[in-house]
Amino acid sequence: MKLQKQLSRKIGVKEYAKYVIVVKPKDIEKLGWKDGEELEAEVKGDKLVIERDD
């Protein structure tokens, strides 16, 4: 898994970034997640928990 920082937009001299987590396709398949599904993230202590938004 890899965390990547991407430039989202630049307004004047101010740059706004977003972060993308790259997850292996086999892990997505194991979870049963599909392309375009809404996910929910929650920070618990020093962990990031990502779940399907049911």
C-alpha atoms as a PDB file:
ATOM      1  CA  MET A   1       0.000   0.000   0.000  1.00  0.00           C
ATOM      2  CA  LYS A   2       1.268   3.465  -0.790  1.00  0.00           C
ATOM      3  CA  LEU A   3       0.289   7.002   0.220  1.00  0.00           C
ATOM      4  CA  GLN A   4       0.589   9.566  -2.566  1.00  0.00           C
ATOM      5  CA  LYS A   5       0.207  13.346  -2.424  1.00  0.00           C
ATOM      6  CA  GLN A   6      -1.354  14.963  -5.499  1.00  0.00           C
ATOM      7  CA  LEU A   7      -1.871  18.607  -6.393  1.00  0.00           C
ATOM      8  CA  SER A   8      -5.626  19.175  -6.423  1.00  0.00           C
ATOM      9  CA  ARG A   9      -5.648  22.802  -7.560  1.00  0.00           C
ATOM     10  CA  LYS A  10      -3.647  26.001  -7.464  1.00  0.00           C
ATOM     11  CA  ILE A  11      -5.251  29.372  -6.813  1.00  0.00           C
ATOM     12  CA  GLY A  12      -2.769  32.203  -7.185  1.00  0.00           C
ATOM     13  CA  VAL A  13       0.281  31.129  -5.217  1.00  0.00           C
ATOM     14  CA  LYS A  14      -1.661  28.821  -2.863  1.00  0.00           C
ATOM     15  CA  GLU A  15      -1.573  25.091  -3.678  1.00  0.00           C
ATOM     16  CA  TYR A  16      -4.160  22.613  -2.400  1.00  0.00           C
ATOM     17  CA  ALA A  17      -3.222  18.949  -2.130  1.00  0.00           C
ATOM     18  CA  LYS A  18      -5.186  15.741  -1.714  1.00  0.00           C
ATOM     19  CA  TYR A  19      -3.927  12.343  -0.670  1.00  0.00           C
ATOM     20  CA  VAL A  20      -4.562   9.020  -2.394  1.00  0.00           C
ATOM     21  CA  ILE A  21      -4.009   5.574  -0.886  1.00  0.00           C
ATOM     22  CA  VAL A  22      -3.153   2.922  -3.465  1.00  0.00           C
ATOM     23  CA  VAL A  23      -4.592  -0.470  -2.476  1.00  0.00           C
ATOM     24  CA  LYS A  24      -3.726  -3.722  -4.231  1.00  0.00           C
ATOM     25  CA  PRO A  25      -6.525  -5.096  -6.448  1.00  0.00           C
ATOM     26  CA  LYS A  26      -6.435  -8.457  -4.627  1.00  0.00           C
ATOM     27  CA  ASP A  27      -7.213  -6.691  -1.320  1.00  0.00           C
ATOM     28  CA  ILE A  28     -10.136  -4.795  -2.909  1.00  0.00           C
ATOM     29  CA  GLU A  29     -11.445  -8.092  -4.290  1.00  0.00           C
ATOM     30  CA  LYS A  30     -11.177  -9.784  -0.864  1.00  0.00           C
ATOM     31  CA  LEU A  31     -13.232  -6.948   0.648  1.00  0.00           C
ATOM     32  CA  GLY A  32     -15.856  -7.216  -2.078  1.00  0.00           C
ATOM     33  CA  TRP A  33     -15.560  -3.498  -2.865  1.00  0.00           C
ATOM     34  CA  LYS A  34     -16.611  -2.227  -6.293  1.00  0.00           C
ATOM     35  CA  ASP A  35     -15.425   0.718  -8.367  1.00  0.00           C
ATOM     36  CA  GLY A  36     -17.198   3.954  -7.424  1.00  0.00           C
ATOM     37  CA  GLU A  37     -18.542   2.757  -4.062  1.00  0.00           C
ATOM     38  CA  GLU A  38     -18.792   5.317  -1.273  1.00  0.00           C
ATOM     39  CA  LEU A  39     -16.371   4.631   1.579  1.00  0.00           C
ATOM     40  CA  GLU A  40     -16.226   6.114   5.056  1.00  0.00           C
ATOM     41  CA  ALA A  41     -13.003   6.807   6.938  1.00  0.00           C
ATOM     42  CA  GLU A  42     -12.519   7.177  10.686  1.00  0.00           C
ATOM     43  CA  VAL A  43      -9.374   7.877  12.673  1.00  0.00           C
ATOM     44  CA  LYS A  44      -9.106   5.626  15.738  1.00  0.00           C
ATOM     45  CA  GLY A  45      -6.026   6.502  17.758  1.00  0.00           C
ATOM     46  CA  ASP A  46      -3.149   6.231  15.306  1.00  0.00           C
ATOM     47  CA  LYS A  47      -5.081   4.097  12.781  1.00  0.00           C
ATOM     48  CA  LEU A  48      -7.234   4.946   9.776  1.00  0.00           C
ATOM     49  CA  VAL A  49     -10.242   2.630   9.418  1.00  0.00           C
ATOM     50  CA  ILE A  50     -11.945   2.604   5.993  1.00  0.00           C
ATOM     51  CA  GLU A  51     -15.323   0.921   5.603  1.00  0.00           C
ATOM     52  CA  ARG A  52     -18.027   0.671   2.971  1.00  0.00           C
ATOM     53  CA  ASP A  53     -20.649   3.367   3.605  1.00  0.00           C
ATOM     54  CA  ASP A  54     -23.768   1.177   3.898  1.00  0.00           C
END
